[in-house]
Amino acid sequence: MSQLSVDPRIVCAHAARVTWLAAAALTLLAGCATPPAATKLPPYVAPANAPTAKLVMRGAVPSGDAFGVFVHDDAENCKGARIAGTGTNARNPTTVPLAAGALTTVDFMLVKPNKDWCLVRWSFTPVAGKSYLVNGAAAAAGGCRAALLDVTNPDAMVAPSGSVRRNDKTNACVPIAQARAAAANAPRGGQDQGAAVLSPGANADDLQGLITQ
């Protein structure tokens, strides 16, 4: 089984709960029929013969929810989403190599059985040889949270130097200069901590548009 697929026997058994997520965003339904409007996103693959870091992905979500982590081809403009990993409450994605040395934009996306969704987007510059964690969860009051951490030293996990939140309530891709200025002007510990509210009842096209904008 590849790192970006799941056992079709498990997935098909829960197709009614995750079809929209799989078809529109996370392609979890390996071997199952998907709606014709859906477009599967390509997997993320780090460039060959280039410096890499590690991308670790974890999610704490209720049964029936699904989550995915995406890496963008165009990090500055949040375009060209590729799937780095997908998971559920019972399965976390496999760690993947991550291209190092250039601006990188990653998303944590949570989709609930009723197709409500939320997304948290971060940008940073990975350093070769280091390990980074995207750690997301469903929020108790609804919505989701997702943190980005440098976990190279698991006893001293920290936010990556220069990391910035890229989406807010009004803009899915805050310009990088604006995001950096906001982070620099925030009180210590006061930068957006990675919370997002649920958006209701998206259809397949809505979800596809969200992750490719």
N, C-alpha and C. Protein backbone atom coordinates (compact mmCIF):
# COMPACT_ATOMS: atom_id res chain seq x y z
N MET A 1 0.85 -1.21 0.00
CA MET A 1 0.00 0.00 0.00
C MET A 1 0.88 1.24 0.00
N SER A 2 0.61 2.14 -0.93
CA SER A 2 1.42 3.35 -1.01
C SER A 2 1.04 4.31 0.10
N GLN A 3 1.91 5.30 0.32
CA GLN A 3 1.68 6.23 1.41
C GLN A 3 0.49 7.14 1.17
N LEU A 4 0.00 7.25 -0.07
CA LEU A 4 -1.08 8.17 -0.36
C LEU A 4 -2.38 7.44 -0.67
N SER A 5 -2.49 6.17 -0.31
CA SER A 5 -3.70 5.43 -0.55
C SER A 5 -4.11 4.70 0.72
N VAL A 6 -5.31 4.15 0.69
CA VAL A 6 -5.78 3.38 1.82
C VAL A 6 -6.35 2.07 1.31
N ASP A 7 -6.51 1.09 2.19
CA ASP A 7 -7.07 -0.20 1.83
C ASP A 7 -8.48 0.01 1.29
N PRO A 8 -8.75 -0.34 0.03
CA PRO A 8 -10.08 -0.11 -0.55
C PRO A 8 -11.19 -0.79 0.24
N ARG A 9 -10.91 -1.91 0.90
CA ARG A 9 -11.94 -2.59 1.67
C ARG A 9 -12.42 -1.73 2.82
N ILE A 10 -11.49 -0.97 3.44
CA ILE A 10 -11.86 -0.09 4.54
C ILE A 10 -12.57 1.14 4.01
N VAL A 11 -12.00 1.73 2.95
CA VAL A 11 -12.55 2.99 2.45
C VAL A 11 -13.93 2.80 1.86
N CYS A 12 -14.13 1.75 1.08
CA CYS A 12 -15.43 1.54 0.45
C CYS A 12 -16.52 1.29 1.48
N ALA A 13 -16.15 0.71 2.60
CA ALA A 13 -17.12 0.46 3.66
C ALA A 13 -17.65 1.75 4.25
N HIS A 14 -16.88 2.82 4.12
CA HIS A 14 -17.29 4.12 4.68
C HIS A 14 -17.50 5.15 3.57
N ALA A 15 -17.77 4.69 2.36
CA ALA A 15 -17.86 5.60 1.23
C ALA A 15 -18.93 6.65 1.41
N ALA A 16 -20.04 6.30 2.03
CA ALA A 16 -21.13 7.26 2.19
C ALA A 16 -20.70 8.45 3.02
N ARG A 17 -19.73 8.24 3.92
CA ARG A 17 -19.31 9.32 4.82
C ARG A 17 -18.20 10.18 4.23
N VAL A 18 -17.38 9.63 3.34
CA VAL A 18 -16.21 10.38 2.90
C VAL A 18 -16.12 10.60 1.40
N THR A 19 -17.18 10.24 0.65
CA THR A 19 -17.11 10.35 -0.81
C THR A 19 -16.76 11.75 -1.27
N TRP A 20 -17.42 12.77 -0.70
CA TRP A 20 -17.18 14.13 -1.17
C TRP A 20 -15.76 14.58 -0.89
N LEU A 21 -15.26 14.27 0.28
CA LEU A 21 -13.89 14.63 0.60
C LEU A 21 -12.92 13.92 -0.33
N ALA A 22 -13.12 12.64 -0.51
CA ALA A 22 -12.20 11.87 -1.32
C ALA A 22 -12.19 12.36 -2.75
N ALA A 23 -13.39 12.57 -3.30
CA ALA A 23 -13.48 12.95 -4.70
C ALA A 23 -13.00 14.37 -4.94
N ALA A 24 -13.35 15.26 -4.04
CA ALA A 24 -13.07 16.66 -4.28
C ALA A 24 -11.73 17.12 -3.79
N ALA A 25 -11.18 16.46 -2.77
CA ALA A 25 -9.98 17.00 -2.16
C ALA A 25 -8.94 15.98 -1.80
N LEU A 26 -9.28 14.93 -1.13
CA LEU A 26 -8.28 14.08 -0.53
C LEU A 26 -8.07 12.75 -1.23
N THR A 27 -8.87 12.42 -2.23
CA THR A 27 -8.78 11.17 -2.97
C THR A 27 -8.53 9.96 -2.08
N LEU A 28 -9.37 9.83 -1.06
CA LEU A 28 -9.27 8.69 -0.15
C LEU A 28 -9.94 7.44 -0.71
N LEU A 29 -10.82 7.58 -1.69
CA LEU A 29 -11.61 6.45 -2.11
C LEU A 29 -10.90 5.60 -3.15
N ALA A 30 -9.79 5.01 -2.80
CA ALA A 30 -9.05 4.15 -3.72
C ALA A 30 -9.93 2.97 -4.11
N GLY A 31 -10.17 2.83 -5.41
CA GLY A 31 -10.94 1.70 -5.88
C GLY A 31 -12.44 1.90 -5.83
N CYS A 32 -12.93 3.05 -5.41
CA CYS A 32 -14.37 3.30 -5.34
C CYS A 32 -14.77 4.31 -6.41
N ALA A 33 -16.04 4.28 -6.78
CA ALA A 33 -16.54 5.26 -7.74
C ALA A 33 -16.57 6.63 -7.11
N THR A 34 -16.29 7.66 -7.89
CA THR A 34 -16.32 9.03 -7.40
C THR A 34 -17.19 9.87 -8.32
N PRO A 35 -17.76 10.98 -7.83
CA PRO A 35 -18.60 11.83 -8.66
C PRO A 35 -17.85 12.35 -9.87
N PRO A 36 -18.49 12.46 -11.02
CA PRO A 36 -17.80 12.88 -12.24
C PRO A 36 -17.25 14.28 -12.18
N ALA A 37 -17.80 15.15 -11.29
CA ALA A 37 -17.30 16.53 -11.22
C ALA A 37 -15.96 16.63 -10.53
N ALA A 38 -15.56 15.58 -9.83
CA ALA A 38 -14.34 15.65 -9.03
C ALA A 38 -13.09 15.51 -9.89
N THR A 39 -12.03 16.16 -9.47
CA THR A 39 -10.74 16.04 -10.13
C THR A 39 -9.72 15.65 -9.09
N LYS A 40 -9.06 14.52 -9.30
CA LYS A 40 -8.08 14.07 -8.32
C LYS A 40 -6.83 14.93 -8.40
N LEU A 41 -6.32 15.28 -7.26
CA LEU A 41 -5.10 16.06 -7.21
C LEU A 41 -3.89 15.14 -7.27
N PRO A 42 -2.78 15.61 -7.85
CA PRO A 42 -1.59 14.77 -7.92
C PRO A 42 -0.91 14.68 -6.56
N PRO A 43 -0.13 13.63 -6.33
CA PRO A 43 0.60 13.52 -5.08
C PRO A 43 1.78 14.48 -5.05
N TYR A 44 2.18 14.88 -3.86
CA TYR A 44 3.38 15.68 -3.70
C TYR A 44 4.59 14.76 -3.71
N VAL A 45 5.60 15.12 -4.51
CA VAL A 45 6.86 14.38 -4.56
C VAL A 45 7.99 15.40 -4.53
N ALA A 46 8.89 15.28 -3.57
CA ALA A 46 10.03 16.20 -3.50
C ALA A 46 10.93 16.01 -4.72
N PRO A 47 11.53 17.08 -5.24
CA PRO A 47 12.41 16.96 -6.40
C PRO A 47 13.56 16.00 -6.13
N ALA A 48 13.93 15.25 -7.15
CA ALA A 48 15.05 14.32 -7.00
C ALA A 48 16.37 15.08 -6.96
N ASN A 49 17.33 14.52 -6.26
CA ASN A 49 18.68 15.08 -6.19
C ASN A 49 18.71 16.51 -5.67
N ALA A 50 17.80 16.81 -4.74
CA ALA A 50 17.76 18.14 -4.14
C ALA A 50 17.71 17.97 -2.62
N PRO A 51 18.18 18.99 -1.87
CA PRO A 51 18.13 18.89 -0.40
C PRO A 51 16.70 18.74 0.09
N THR A 52 16.51 17.93 1.11
CA THR A 52 15.17 17.72 1.63
C THR A 52 15.14 17.79 3.16
N ALA A 53 13.97 18.08 3.66
CA ALA A 53 13.64 17.93 5.08
C ALA A 53 12.60 16.82 5.17
N LYS A 54 12.05 16.60 6.36
CA LYS A 54 10.97 15.63 6.52
C LYS A 54 9.69 16.35 6.92
N LEU A 55 8.58 15.89 6.35
CA LEU A 55 7.27 16.42 6.69
C LEU A 55 6.47 15.33 7.39
N VAL A 56 6.24 15.54 8.68
CA VAL A 56 5.44 14.62 9.50
C VAL A 56 4.03 15.19 9.60
N MET A 57 3.01 14.34 9.49
CA MET A 57 1.62 14.81 9.48
C MET A 57 0.81 14.03 10.51
N ARG A 58 0.11 14.76 11.37
CA ARG A 58 -0.71 14.14 12.39
C ARG A 58 -2.06 14.86 12.47
N GLY A 59 -3.10 14.12 12.78
CA GLY A 59 -4.42 14.71 12.94
C GLY A 59 -5.18 14.03 14.06
N ALA A 60 -5.84 14.82 14.87
CA ALA A 60 -6.71 14.31 15.93
C ALA A 60 -8.13 14.71 15.57
N VAL A 61 -8.85 13.81 14.92
CA VAL A 61 -10.18 14.14 14.41
C VAL A 61 -11.17 13.06 14.85
N PRO A 62 -12.45 13.41 14.96
CA PRO A 62 -13.46 12.44 15.36
C PRO A 62 -13.65 11.36 14.29
N SER A 63 -14.19 10.23 14.71
CA SER A 63 -14.53 9.18 13.77
C SER A 63 -15.49 9.71 12.71
N GLY A 64 -15.24 9.40 11.46
CA GLY A 64 -16.06 9.89 10.37
C GLY A 64 -15.49 11.11 9.67
N ASP A 65 -14.66 11.90 10.37
CA ASP A 65 -13.98 13.02 9.75
C ASP A 65 -12.76 12.52 8.99
N ALA A 66 -12.29 13.30 8.05
CA ALA A 66 -11.06 12.98 7.33
C ALA A 66 -10.23 14.25 7.23
N PHE A 67 -8.92 14.10 7.06
CA PHE A 67 -8.06 15.27 6.92
C PHE A 67 -7.00 15.00 5.87
N GLY A 68 -6.46 16.09 5.34
CA GLY A 68 -5.38 15.98 4.37
C GLY A 68 -4.38 17.11 4.56
N VAL A 69 -3.17 16.87 4.13
CA VAL A 69 -2.12 17.88 4.13
C VAL A 69 -1.66 18.06 2.70
N PHE A 70 -1.56 19.33 2.28
CA PHE A 70 -1.22 19.65 0.90
C PHE A 70 0.03 20.53 0.86
N VAL A 71 0.81 20.38 -0.19
CA VAL A 71 1.96 21.23 -0.47
C VAL A 71 1.72 21.88 -1.82
N HIS A 72 1.97 23.18 -1.93
CA HIS A 72 1.66 23.92 -3.16
C HIS A 72 2.87 24.07 -4.07
N ASP A 73 2.62 23.89 -5.36
CA ASP A 73 3.67 24.13 -6.36
C ASP A 73 4.11 25.60 -6.33
N ASP A 74 3.15 26.49 -6.24
CA ASP A 74 3.41 27.93 -6.19
C ASP A 74 3.17 28.38 -4.76
N ALA A 75 4.23 28.37 -3.95
CA ALA A 75 4.08 28.63 -2.51
C ALA A 75 3.66 30.07 -2.24
N GLU A 76 4.15 31.01 -3.03
CA GLU A 76 3.86 32.42 -2.76
C GLU A 76 2.40 32.74 -3.01
N ASN A 77 1.83 32.13 -4.06
CA ASN A 77 0.45 32.44 -4.44
C ASN A 77 -0.54 31.35 -4.05
N CYS A 78 -0.09 30.36 -3.28
CA CYS A 78 -0.97 29.29 -2.77
C CYS A 78 -1.70 28.57 -3.90
N LYS A 79 -0.96 28.22 -4.93
CA LYS A 79 -1.56 27.56 -6.10
C LYS A 79 -0.85 26.24 -6.38
N GLY A 80 -1.58 25.35 -7.04
CA GLY A 80 -1.00 24.08 -7.43
C GLY A 80 -0.89 23.11 -6.28
N ALA A 81 -2.01 22.86 -5.58
CA ALA A 81 -1.98 21.97 -4.41
C ALA A 81 -1.69 20.54 -4.83
N ARG A 82 -0.82 19.89 -4.06
CA ARG A 82 -0.52 18.47 -4.23
C ARG A 82 -0.70 17.77 -2.89
N ILE A 83 -1.17 16.54 -2.94
CA ILE A 83 -1.45 15.80 -1.72
C ILE A 83 -0.17 15.23 -1.14
N ALA A 84 0.15 15.64 0.08
CA ALA A 84 1.29 15.05 0.79
C ALA A 84 0.85 13.85 1.61
N GLY A 85 -0.37 13.87 2.14
CA GLY A 85 -0.87 12.75 2.92
C GLY A 85 -2.30 12.96 3.34
N THR A 86 -3.01 11.87 3.60
CA THR A 86 -4.39 11.92 4.06
C THR A 86 -4.55 10.98 5.25
N GLY A 87 -5.53 11.28 6.10
CA GLY A 87 -5.71 10.44 7.27
C GLY A 87 -7.11 10.52 7.84
N THR A 88 -7.34 9.71 8.85
CA THR A 88 -8.60 9.65 9.58
C THR A 88 -8.28 9.54 11.07
N ASN A 89 -9.29 9.30 11.89
CA ASN A 89 -9.03 9.14 13.32
C ASN A 89 -8.22 7.87 13.61
N ALA A 90 -8.19 6.94 12.66
CA ALA A 90 -7.49 5.68 12.88
C ALA A 90 -6.18 5.57 12.11
N ARG A 91 -5.87 6.57 11.29
CA ARG A 91 -4.68 6.43 10.44
C ARG A 91 -4.06 7.80 10.18
N ASN A 92 -2.77 7.93 10.48
CA ASN A 92 -2.02 9.13 10.14
C ASN A 92 -1.23 8.90 8.86
N PRO A 93 -0.97 9.96 8.10
CA PRO A 93 -0.19 9.80 6.87
C PRO A 93 1.25 9.40 7.16
N THR A 94 1.87 8.81 6.16
CA THR A 94 3.28 8.46 6.24
C THR A 94 4.14 9.71 6.05
N THR A 95 5.21 9.82 6.80
CA THR A 95 6.14 10.94 6.65
C THR A 95 6.73 10.95 5.25
N VAL A 96 6.85 12.16 4.66
CA VAL A 96 7.37 12.28 3.30
C VAL A 96 8.54 13.26 3.26
N PRO A 97 9.44 13.11 2.28
CA PRO A 97 10.49 14.11 2.09
C PRO A 97 9.87 15.42 1.62
N LEU A 98 10.44 16.53 2.05
CA LEU A 98 9.94 17.86 1.71
C LEU A 98 11.09 18.68 1.14
N ALA A 99 10.87 19.28 -0.01
CA ALA A 99 11.92 20.09 -0.62
C ALA A 99 12.36 21.19 0.35
N ALA A 100 13.66 21.38 0.47
CA ALA A 100 14.21 22.36 1.42
C ALA A 100 14.82 23.54 0.68
N GLY A 101 14.96 24.66 1.41
CA GLY A 101 15.69 25.80 0.90
C GLY A 101 14.89 26.83 0.15
N ALA A 102 13.59 26.65 0.03
CA ALA A 102 12.74 27.61 -0.67
C ALA A 102 11.42 27.75 0.07
N LEU A 103 10.73 28.88 -0.15
CA LEU A 103 9.44 29.10 0.48
C LEU A 103 8.50 27.94 0.17
N THR A 104 7.82 27.45 1.19
CA THR A 104 6.90 26.31 1.06
C THR A 104 5.59 26.66 1.76
N THR A 105 4.49 26.34 1.11
CA THR A 105 3.17 26.56 1.69
C THR A 105 2.48 25.23 1.87
N VAL A 106 2.02 24.98 3.09
CA VAL A 106 1.34 23.71 3.41
C VAL A 106 -0.02 24.00 4.00
N ASP A 107 -0.98 23.13 3.71
CA ASP A 107 -2.34 23.25 4.23
C ASP A 107 -2.69 22.03 5.07
N PHE A 108 -3.42 22.28 6.15
CA PHE A 108 -4.14 21.21 6.85
C PHE A 108 -5.62 21.43 6.58
N MET A 109 -6.29 20.42 6.04
CA MET A 109 -7.70 20.55 5.70
C MET A 109 -8.49 19.45 6.39
N LEU A 110 -9.57 19.85 7.06
CA LEU A 110 -10.47 18.91 7.75
C LEU A 110 -11.82 18.97 7.06
N VAL A 111 -12.40 17.80 6.76
CA VAL A 111 -13.74 17.74 6.19
C VAL A 111 -14.58 16.78 7.02
N LYS A 112 -15.78 17.22 7.38
CA LYS A 112 -16.67 16.43 8.22
C LYS A 112 -17.65 15.64 7.36
N PRO A 113 -18.33 14.65 7.93
CA PRO A 113 -19.23 13.81 7.14
C PRO A 113 -20.30 14.58 6.39
N ASN A 114 -20.75 15.72 6.94
CA ASN A 114 -21.78 16.52 6.26
C ASN A 114 -21.20 17.50 5.25
N LYS A 115 -19.90 17.37 4.97
CA LYS A 115 -19.17 18.19 3.99
C LYS A 115 -18.80 19.58 4.49
N ASP A 116 -19.06 19.88 5.76
CA ASP A 116 -18.48 21.10 6.33
C ASP A 116 -16.97 20.93 6.35
N TRP A 117 -16.24 22.02 6.14
CA TRP A 117 -14.79 21.92 6.04
C TRP A 117 -14.12 23.12 6.68
N CYS A 118 -12.86 22.98 7.01
CA CYS A 118 -12.04 24.12 7.39
C CYS A 118 -10.60 23.84 6.99
N LEU A 119 -9.83 24.90 6.88
CA LEU A 119 -8.46 24.78 6.38
C LEU A 119 -7.58 25.80 7.09
N VAL A 120 -6.37 25.38 7.43
CA VAL A 120 -5.35 26.25 7.99
C VAL A 120 -4.12 26.17 7.09
N ARG A 121 -3.57 27.32 6.74
CA ARG A 121 -2.49 27.40 5.74
C ARG A 121 -1.29 28.12 6.34
N TRP A 122 -0.11 27.51 6.22
CA TRP A 122 1.14 28.08 6.72
C TRP A 122 2.19 28.14 5.62
N SER A 123 3.06 29.13 5.68
CA SER A 123 4.23 29.19 4.80
C SER A 123 5.49 29.30 5.65
N PHE A 124 6.56 28.65 5.16
CA PHE A 124 7.85 28.69 5.85
C PHE A 124 8.91 28.21 4.87
N THR A 125 10.17 28.28 5.28
CA THR A 125 11.26 27.79 4.45
C THR A 125 11.94 26.62 5.16
N PRO A 126 11.70 25.40 4.71
CA PRO A 126 12.31 24.23 5.37
C PRO A 126 13.84 24.26 5.23
N VAL A 127 14.51 23.75 6.25
CA VAL A 127 15.97 23.63 6.26
C VAL A 127 16.32 22.17 6.04
N ALA A 128 17.26 21.91 5.14
CA ALA A 128 17.65 20.54 4.82
C ALA A 128 18.06 19.78 6.08
N GLY A 129 17.59 18.56 6.19
CA GLY A 129 17.94 17.71 7.31
C GLY A 129 17.04 17.84 8.52
N LYS A 130 16.19 18.86 8.55
CA LYS A 130 15.30 19.04 9.70
C LYS A 130 13.98 18.30 9.48
N SER A 131 13.23 18.16 10.57
CA SER A 131 11.92 17.52 10.52
C SER A 131 10.85 18.52 10.95
N TYR A 132 9.75 18.56 10.21
CA TYR A 132 8.66 19.49 10.49
C TYR A 132 7.35 18.72 10.65
N LEU A 133 6.53 19.19 11.57
CA LEU A 133 5.25 18.55 11.87
C LEU A 133 4.10 19.49 11.57
N VAL A 134 3.15 19.02 10.76
CA VAL A 134 1.85 19.67 10.63
C VAL A 134 0.89 18.88 11.52
N ASN A 135 0.41 19.51 12.57
CA ASN A 135 -0.39 18.82 13.58
C ASN A 135 -1.76 19.49 13.68
N GLY A 136 -2.77 18.83 13.16
CA GLY A 136 -4.10 19.42 13.14
C GLY A 136 -5.08 18.67 14.01
N ALA A 137 -6.19 19.32 14.32
CA ALA A 137 -7.21 18.70 15.16
C ALA A 137 -8.54 19.41 14.95
N ALA A 138 -9.60 18.69 15.24
CA ALA A 138 -10.93 19.31 15.29
C ALA A 138 -11.02 20.12 16.57
N ALA A 139 -11.55 21.34 16.47
CA ALA A 139 -11.68 22.20 17.65
C ALA A 139 -12.95 21.86 18.40
N ALA A 140 -12.90 21.98 19.73
CA ALA A 140 -14.03 21.61 20.58
C ALA A 140 -15.27 22.44 20.27
N ALA A 141 -15.07 23.70 19.92
CA ALA A 141 -16.20 24.60 19.65
C ALA A 141 -16.59 24.61 18.18
N GLY A 142 -16.08 23.66 17.40
CA GLY A 142 -16.31 23.63 15.97
C GLY A 142 -15.11 24.18 15.24
N GLY A 143 -14.96 23.83 13.99
CA GLY A 143 -13.81 24.26 13.21
C GLY A 143 -12.62 23.36 13.44
N CYS A 144 -11.43 23.90 13.26
CA CYS A 144 -10.22 23.09 13.40
C CYS A 144 -9.06 23.98 13.79
N ARG A 145 -7.98 23.34 14.20
CA ARG A 145 -6.74 24.01 14.53
C ARG A 145 -5.62 23.25 13.84
N ALA A 146 -4.54 23.94 13.53
CA ALA A 146 -3.37 23.26 12.96
C ALA A 146 -2.13 24.07 13.26
N ALA A 147 -1.15 23.41 13.83
CA ALA A 147 0.13 24.05 14.15
C ALA A 147 1.21 23.51 13.23
N LEU A 148 2.20 24.34 12.97
CA LEU A 148 3.38 23.95 12.22
C LEU A 148 4.58 24.06 13.16
N LEU A 149 5.32 22.95 13.33
CA LEU A 149 6.41 22.93 14.30
C LEU A 149 7.67 22.32 13.70
N ASP A 150 8.81 22.83 14.15
CA ASP A 150 10.10 22.21 13.89
C ASP A 150 10.30 21.18 15.00
N VAL A 151 10.29 19.90 14.62
CA VAL A 151 10.39 18.83 15.63
C VAL A 151 11.71 18.07 15.49
N THR A 152 12.71 18.74 14.92
CA THR A 152 14.01 18.09 14.77
C THR A 152 14.52 17.60 16.12
N ASN A 153 14.36 18.43 17.14
CA ASN A 153 14.65 18.02 18.51
C ASN A 153 13.31 17.84 19.21
N PRO A 154 12.84 16.60 19.39
CA PRO A 154 11.51 16.39 19.96
C PRO A 154 11.36 16.89 21.39
N ASP A 155 12.48 17.15 22.05
CA ASP A 155 12.42 17.67 23.42
C ASP A 155 12.34 19.20 23.45
N ALA A 156 12.46 19.82 22.28
CA ALA A 156 12.41 21.29 22.21
C ALA A 156 11.76 21.69 20.89
N MET A 157 10.48 21.35 20.73
CA MET A 157 9.76 21.67 19.50
C MET A 157 9.43 23.16 19.47
N VAL A 158 9.65 23.79 18.31
CA VAL A 158 9.44 25.23 18.18
C VAL A 158 8.80 25.53 16.83
N ALA A 159 8.20 26.69 16.73
CA ALA A 159 7.70 27.15 15.43
C ALA A 159 8.90 27.41 14.51
N PRO A 160 8.84 26.99 13.26
CA PRO A 160 9.96 27.24 12.35
C PRO A 160 10.23 28.73 12.22
N SER A 161 11.49 29.08 12.15
CA SER A 161 11.86 30.48 11.99
C SER A 161 11.22 31.04 10.72
N GLY A 162 10.55 32.17 10.87
CA GLY A 162 9.95 32.84 9.71
C GLY A 162 8.62 32.27 9.26
N SER A 163 8.05 31.29 9.97
CA SER A 163 6.78 30.72 9.55
C SER A 163 5.66 31.74 9.74
N VAL A 164 4.70 31.77 8.81
CA VAL A 164 3.59 32.73 8.87
C VAL A 164 2.29 32.06 8.45
N ARG A 165 1.21 32.49 9.09
CA ARG A 165 -0.13 32.04 8.71
C ARG A 165 -0.54 32.76 7.43
N ARG A 166 -1.09 32.01 6.45
CA ARG A 166 -1.39 32.59 5.16
C ARG A 166 -2.87 32.80 4.89
N ASN A 167 -3.77 32.19 5.67
CA ASN A 167 -5.19 32.44 5.42
C ASN A 167 -5.85 33.02 6.66
N ASP A 168 -6.85 33.86 6.42
CA ASP A 168 -7.62 34.43 7.52
C ASP A 168 -9.09 34.43 7.12
N LYS A 169 -9.92 35.14 7.86
CA LYS A 169 -11.36 35.09 7.62
C LYS A 169 -11.76 35.69 6.29
N THR A 170 -10.93 36.54 5.73
CA THR A 170 -11.31 37.24 4.49
C THR A 170 -10.43 36.91 3.29
N ASN A 171 -9.32 36.24 3.50
CA ASN A 171 -8.37 36.01 2.41
C ASN A 171 -7.79 34.61 2.53
N ALA A 172 -7.97 33.80 1.49
CA ALA A 172 -7.46 32.43 1.51
C ALA A 172 -5.96 32.37 1.29
N CYS A 173 -5.39 33.45 0.77
CA CYS A 173 -3.94 33.48 0.52
C CYS A 173 -3.43 34.89 0.77
N VAL A 174 -3.20 35.21 2.04
CA VAL A 174 -2.69 36.53 2.39
C VAL A 174 -1.32 36.72 1.74
N PRO A 175 -1.09 37.84 1.04
CA PRO A 175 0.23 38.07 0.41
C PRO A 175 1.35 37.86 1.42
N ILE A 176 2.43 37.26 0.98
CA ILE A 176 3.49 36.85 1.90
C ILE A 176 4.07 38.04 2.66
N ALA A 177 4.24 39.18 1.99
CA ALA A 177 4.78 40.35 2.67
C ALA A 177 3.83 40.82 3.78
N GLN A 178 2.54 40.80 3.49
CA GLN A 178 1.54 41.21 4.48
C GLN A 178 1.52 40.23 5.65
N ALA A 179 1.62 38.93 5.36
CA ALA A 179 1.63 37.93 6.42
C ALA A 179 2.85 38.09 7.31
N ARG A 180 3.99 38.39 6.71
CA ARG A 180 5.21 38.57 7.51
C ARG A 180 5.13 39.83 8.36
N ALA A 181 4.55 40.88 7.80
CA ALA A 181 4.42 42.11 8.57
C ALA A 181 3.49 41.91 9.76
N ALA A 182 2.39 41.17 9.54
CA ALA A 182 1.46 40.91 10.63
C ALA A 182 2.12 40.09 11.73
N ALA A 183 2.92 39.10 11.33
CA ALA A 183 3.62 38.27 12.32
C ALA A 183 4.63 39.09 13.10
N ALA A 184 5.35 39.98 12.40
CA ALA A 184 6.37 40.79 13.06
C ALA A 184 5.76 41.78 14.04
N ASN A 185 4.54 42.27 13.74
CA ASN A 185 3.90 43.27 14.59
C ASN A 185 3.04 42.68 15.69
N ALA A 186 2.86 41.36 15.66
CA ALA A 186 2.02 40.73 16.68
C ALA A 186 2.75 40.70 18.02
N PRO A 187 2.04 40.85 19.13
CA PRO A 187 2.67 40.70 20.45
C PRO A 187 3.27 39.32 20.58
N ARG A 188 4.25 39.17 21.42
CA ARG A 188 4.88 37.88 21.63
C ARG A 188 3.81 36.84 22.00
N GLY A 189 3.79 35.77 21.21
CA GLY A 189 2.79 34.73 21.44
C GLY A 189 1.41 35.11 20.93
N GLY A 190 1.32 36.26 20.23
CA GLY A 190 0.00 36.72 19.84
C GLY A 190 -0.35 36.47 18.39
N GLN A 191 0.56 35.88 17.63
CA GLN A 191 0.25 35.59 16.24
C GLN A 191 -0.87 34.56 16.18
N ASP A 192 -1.65 34.61 15.10
CA ASP A 192 -2.72 33.63 14.91
C ASP A 192 -2.20 32.23 15.19
N GLN A 193 -2.85 31.54 16.10
CA GLN A 193 -2.33 30.24 16.54
C GLN A 193 -2.84 29.06 15.72
N GLY A 194 -3.45 29.33 14.58
CA GLY A 194 -3.82 28.24 13.70
C GLY A 194 -5.22 27.71 13.87
N ALA A 195 -6.17 28.58 14.26
CA ALA A 195 -7.57 28.18 14.39
C ALA A 195 -8.34 28.61 13.15
N ALA A 196 -9.30 27.79 12.76
CA ALA A 196 -10.17 28.13 11.63
C ALA A 196 -11.57 27.64 11.93
N VAL A 197 -12.56 28.38 11.44
CA VAL A 197 -13.95 28.00 11.66
C VAL A 197 -14.42 27.13 10.52
N LEU A 198 -15.47 26.35 10.77
CA LEU A 198 -16.06 25.52 9.73
C LEU A 198 -16.81 26.38 8.72
N SER A 199 -16.71 26.00 7.47
CA SER A 199 -17.55 26.58 6.42
C SER A 199 -18.60 25.53 6.07
N PRO A 200 -19.85 25.90 5.99
CA PRO A 200 -20.91 24.90 5.87
C PRO A 200 -21.10 24.35 4.47
N GLY A 201 -21.47 23.07 4.43
CA GLY A 201 -22.05 22.41 3.28
C GLY A 201 -21.42 22.66 1.93
N ALA A 202 -20.11 22.53 1.81
CA ALA A 202 -19.50 22.71 0.50
C ALA A 202 -19.85 21.55 -0.41
N ASN A 203 -19.97 21.85 -1.71
CA ASN A 203 -20.11 20.75 -2.67
C ASN A 203 -18.75 20.42 -3.26
N ALA A 204 -18.70 19.48 -4.16
CA ALA A 204 -17.42 19.03 -4.71
C ALA A 204 -16.66 20.17 -5.37
N ASP A 205 -17.37 21.00 -6.12
CA ASP A 205 -16.70 22.10 -6.81
C ASP A 205 -16.15 23.11 -5.81
N ASP A 206 -16.90 23.38 -4.72
CA ASP A 206 -16.43 24.31 -3.71
C ASP A 206 -15.11 23.84 -3.09
N LEU A 207 -15.05 22.56 -2.74
CA LEU A 207 -13.86 22.02 -2.12
C LEU A 207 -12.69 22.04 -3.09
N GLN A 208 -12.95 21.68 -4.34
CA GLN A 208 -11.88 21.69 -5.33
C GLN A 208 -11.34 23.10 -5.50
N GLY A 209 -12.23 24.10 -5.53
CA GLY A 209 -11.78 25.48 -5.66
C GLY A 209 -10.98 25.93 -4.48
N LEU A 210 -11.36 25.50 -3.27
CA LEU A 210 -10.67 25.91 -2.06
C LEU A 210 -9.21 25.49 -2.11
N ILE A 211 -8.95 24.25 -2.46
CA ILE A 211 -7.59 23.73 -2.34
C ILE A 211 -6.73 24.03 -3.55
N THR A 212 -7.31 24.64 -4.59
CA THR A 212 -6.48 24.98 -5.75
C THR A 212 -6.34 26.47 -5.94
N GLN A 213 -6.92 27.28 -5.05
CA GLN A 213 -6.82 28.73 -5.25
C GLN A 213 -5.48 29.27 -4.75
